[in-house]
Amino acid sequence: MSIVTVGIDLAKTVFAVHGVDAAGKPLLVKPVLLLQADTR
């Protein structure tokens, strides 16, 4: 099956990429940590 819809859940320190097939079955859930870029 192929991913037909991709969504992104945004949060303060983590975001997640979700992909579902035509039937709505989750095929991809990938959490990603956001690193603080400002080092002042």
PDB file of N, CA and C in Angstrom:
ATOM      1  N   MET A   1       0.838  -1.186   0.000  1.00  0.00           N
ATOM      2  CA  MET A   1       0.000   0.000   0.000  1.00  0.00           C
ATOM      3  C   MET A   1       0.878   1.243   0.000  1.00  0.00           C
ATOM      4  N   SER A   2       0.320   2.331  -0.495  1.00  0.00           N
ATOM      5  CA  SER A   2       1.034   3.601  -0.599  1.00  0.00           C
ATOM      6  C   SER A   2       0.464   4.616   0.372  1.00  0.00           C
ATOM      7  N   ILE A   3       1.314   5.527   0.800  1.00  0.00           N
ATOM      8  CA  ILE A   3       0.869   6.647   1.625  1.00  0.00           C
ATOM      9  C   ILE A   3       0.164   7.637   0.713  1.00  0.00           C
ATOM     10  N   VAL A   4      -1.078   7.993   1.064  1.00  0.00           N
ATOM     11  CA  VAL A   4      -1.845   8.941   0.251  1.00  0.00           C
ATOM     12  C   VAL A   4      -2.066  10.271   0.960  1.00  0.00           C
ATOM     13  N   THR A   5      -1.925  10.293   2.293  1.00  0.00           N
ATOM     14  CA  THR A   5      -2.084  11.522   3.063  1.00  0.00           C
ATOM     15  C   THR A   5      -0.946  11.628   4.061  1.00  0.00           C
ATOM     16  N   VAL A   6      -0.350  12.809   4.142  1.00  0.00           N
ATOM     17  CA  VAL A   6       0.729  13.071   5.102  1.00  0.00           C
ATOM     18  C   VAL A   6       0.288  14.218   5.981  1.00  0.00           C
ATOM     19  N   GLY A   7       0.516  14.072   7.288  1.00  0.00           N
ATOM     20  CA  GLY A   7       0.185  15.133   8.228  1.00  0.00           C
ATOM     21  C   GLY A   7       1.344  15.398   9.156  1.00  0.00           C
ATOM     22  N   ILE A   8       1.390  16.594   9.720  1.00  0.00           N
ATOM     23  CA  ILE A   8       2.433  16.973  10.666  1.00  0.00           C
ATOM     24  C   ILE A   8       1.772  17.495  11.926  1.00  0.00           C
ATOM     25  N   ASP A   9       2.116  16.886  13.070  1.00  0.00           N
ATOM     26  CA  ASP A   9       1.657  17.367  14.377  1.00  0.00           C
ATOM     27  C   ASP A   9       2.775  18.216  14.966  1.00  0.00           C
ATOM     28  N   LEU A  10       2.474  19.471  15.248  1.00  0.00           N
ATOM     29  CA  LEU A  10       3.477  20.392  15.770  1.00  0.00           C
ATOM     30  C   LEU A  10       3.347  20.525  17.279  1.00  0.00           C
ATOM     31  N   ALA A  11       4.475  20.621  17.955  1.00  0.00           N
ATOM     32  CA  ALA A  11       4.529  20.853  19.392  1.00  0.00           C
ATOM     33  C   ALA A  11       5.755  21.721  19.671  1.00  0.00           C
ATOM     34  N   LYS A  12       5.999  22.027  20.938  1.00  0.00           N
ATOM     35  CA  LYS A  12       7.112  22.917  21.266  1.00  0.00           C
ATOM     36  C   LYS A  12       8.474  22.258  21.087  1.00  0.00           C
ATOM     37  N   THR A  13       8.646  21.008  21.495  1.00  0.00           N
ATOM     38  CA  THR A  13       9.961  20.375  21.425  1.00  0.00           C
ATOM     39  C   THR A  13      10.012  19.169  20.505  1.00  0.00           C
ATOM     40  N   VAL A  14       8.863  18.655  20.097  1.00  0.00           N
ATOM     41  CA  VAL A  14       8.809  17.475  19.237  1.00  0.00           C
ATOM     42  C   VAL A  14       7.720  17.697  18.191  1.00  0.00           C
ATOM     43  N   PHE A  15       7.966  17.250  16.972  1.00  0.00           N
ATOM     44  CA  PHE A  15       6.868  17.182  16.025  1.00  0.00           C
ATOM     45  C   PHE A  15       6.846  15.793  15.433  1.00  0.00           C
ATOM     46  N   ALA A  16       5.715  15.373  14.891  1.00  0.00           N
ATOM     47  CA  ALA A  16       5.574  14.024  14.355  1.00  0.00           C
ATOM     48  C   ALA A  16       5.007  14.098  12.947  1.00  0.00           C
ATOM     49  N   VAL A  17       5.569  13.284  12.065  1.00  0.00           N
ATOM     50  CA  VAL A  17       5.078  13.159  10.699  1.00  0.00           C
ATOM     51  C   VAL A  17       4.264  11.880  10.635  1.00  0.00           C
ATOM     52  N   HIS A  18       3.047  11.966  10.097  1.00  0.00           N
ATOM     53  CA  HIS A  18       2.150  10.822   9.996  1.00  0.00           C
ATOM     54  C   HIS A  18       1.800  10.596   8.530  1.00  0.00           C
ATOM     55  N   GLY A  19       1.765   9.339   8.115  1.00  0.00           N
ATOM     56  CA  GLY A  19       1.315   8.996   6.771  1.00  0.00           C
ATOM     57  C   GLY A  19       0.280   7.894   6.842  1.00  0.00           C
ATOM     58  N   VAL A  20      -0.822   8.029   6.099  1.00  0.00           N
ATOM     59  CA  VAL A  20      -1.879   7.016   6.098  1.00  0.00           C
ATOM     60  C   VAL A  20      -2.183   6.595   4.664  1.00  0.00           C
ATOM     61  N   ASP A  21      -2.713   5.369   4.520  1.00  0.00           N
ATOM     62  CA  ASP A  21      -3.101   4.872   3.200  1.00  0.00           C
ATOM     63  C   ASP A  21      -4.533   5.288   2.883  1.00  0.00           C
ATOM     64  N   ALA A  22      -5.047   4.841   1.751  1.00  0.00           N
ATOM     65  CA  ALA A  22      -6.389   5.237   1.305  1.00  0.00           C
ATOM     66  C   ALA A  22      -7.484   4.791   2.263  1.00  0.00           C
ATOM     67  N   ALA A  23      -7.248   3.708   3.028  1.00  0.00           N
ATOM     68  CA  ALA A  23      -8.233   3.211   3.984  1.00  0.00           C
ATOM     69  C   ALA A  23      -8.125   3.900   5.341  1.00  0.00           C
ATOM     70  N   GLY A  24      -7.132   4.796   5.499  1.00  0.00           N
ATOM     71  CA  GLY A  24      -6.940   5.486   6.770  1.00  0.00           C
ATOM     72  C   GLY A  24      -6.042   4.758   7.737  1.00  0.00           C
ATOM     73  N   LYS A  25      -5.422   3.675   7.286  1.00  0.00           N
ATOM     74  CA  LYS A  25      -4.522   2.892   8.145  1.00  0.00           C
ATOM     75  C   LYS A  25      -3.160   3.592   8.228  1.00  0.00           C
ATOM     76  N   PRO A  26      -2.652   3.818   9.456  1.00  0.00           N
ATOM     77  CA  PRO A  26      -1.347   4.473   9.599  1.00  0.00           C
ATOM     78  C   PRO A  26      -0.224   3.600   9.034  1.00  0.00           C
ATOM     79  N   LEU A  27       0.596   4.185   8.187  1.00  0.00           N
ATOM     80  CA  LEU A  27       1.752   3.487   7.633  1.00  0.00           C
ATOM     81  C   LEU A  27       3.063   4.093   8.115  1.00  0.00           C
ATOM     82  N   LEU A  28       3.012   5.335   8.585  1.00  0.00           N
ATOM     83  CA  LEU A  28       4.219   6.034   9.010  1.00  0.00           C
ATOM     84  C   LEU A  28       3.881   6.933  10.181  1.00  0.00           C
ATOM     85  N   VAL A  29       4.623   6.785  11.266  1.00  0.00           N
ATOM     86  CA  VAL A  29       4.560   7.728  12.384  1.00  0.00           C
ATOM     87  C   VAL A  29       6.005   7.944  12.803  1.00  0.00           C
ATOM     88  N   LYS A  30       6.512   9.141  12.556  1.00  0.00           N
ATOM     89  CA  LYS A  30       7.922   9.430  12.803  1.00  0.00           C
ATOM     90  C   LYS A  30       8.046  10.668  13.688  1.00  0.00           C
ATOM     91  N   PRO A  31       8.301  10.480  14.997  1.00  0.00           N
ATOM     92  CA  PRO A  31       8.524  11.643  15.860  1.00  0.00           C
ATOM     93  C   PRO A  31       9.926  12.214  15.630  1.00  0.00           C
ATOM     94  N   VAL A  32      10.031  13.546  15.657  1.00  0.00           N
ATOM     95  CA  VAL A  32      11.305  14.224  15.422  1.00  0.00           C
ATOM     96  C   VAL A  32      11.500  15.269  16.513  1.00  0.00           C
ATOM     97  N   LEU A  33      12.650  15.224  17.198  1.00  0.00           N
ATOM     98  CA  LEU A  33      12.981  16.216  18.222  1.00  0.00           C
ATOM     99  C   LEU A  33      13.467  17.496  17.561  1.00  0.00           C
ATOM    100  N   LEU A  34      13.008  18.619  18.052  1.00  0.00           N
ATOM    101  CA  LEU A  34      13.510  19.907  17.586  1.00  0.00           C
ATOM    102  C   LEU A  34      14.668  20.307  18.490  1.00  0.00           C
ATOM    103  N   LEU A  35      15.768  20.661  17.890  1.00  0.00           N
ATOM    104  CA  LEU A  35      16.927  21.098  18.669  1.00  0.00           C
ATOM    105  C   LEU A  35      16.930  22.618  18.769  1.00  0.00           C
ATOM    106  N   GLN A  36      17.340  23.101  19.905  1.00  0.00           N
ATOM    107  CA  GLN A  36      17.380  24.546  20.102  1.00  0.00           C
ATOM    108  C   GLN A  36      18.536  25.117  19.285  1.00  0.00           C
ATOM    109  N   ALA A  37      18.250  25.993  18.342  1.00  0.00           N
ATOM    110  CA  ALA A  37      19.260  26.544  17.455  1.00  0.00           C
ATOM    111  C   ALA A  37      19.952  27.769  18.047  1.00  0.00           C
ATOM    112  N   ASP A  38      19.277  28.482  18.918  1.00  0.00           N
ATOM    113  CA  ASP A  38      19.836  29.698  19.503  1.00  0.00           C
ATOM    114  C   ASP A  38      20.773  29.329  20.654  1.00  0.00           C
ATOM    115  N   THR A  39      22.054  29.667  20.550  1.00  0.00           N
ATOM    116  CA  THR A  39      23.040  29.299  21.580  1.00  0.00           C
ATOM    117  C   THR A  39      23.595  30.510  22.308  1.00  0.00           C
ATOM    118  N   ARG A  40      22.840  31.620  22.300  1.00  0.00           N
ATOM    119  CA  ARG A  40      23.321  32.837  22.965  1.00  0.00           C
ATOM    120  C   ARG A  40      23.531  32.651  24.428  1.00  0.00           C
TER     121      ARG A  40
END
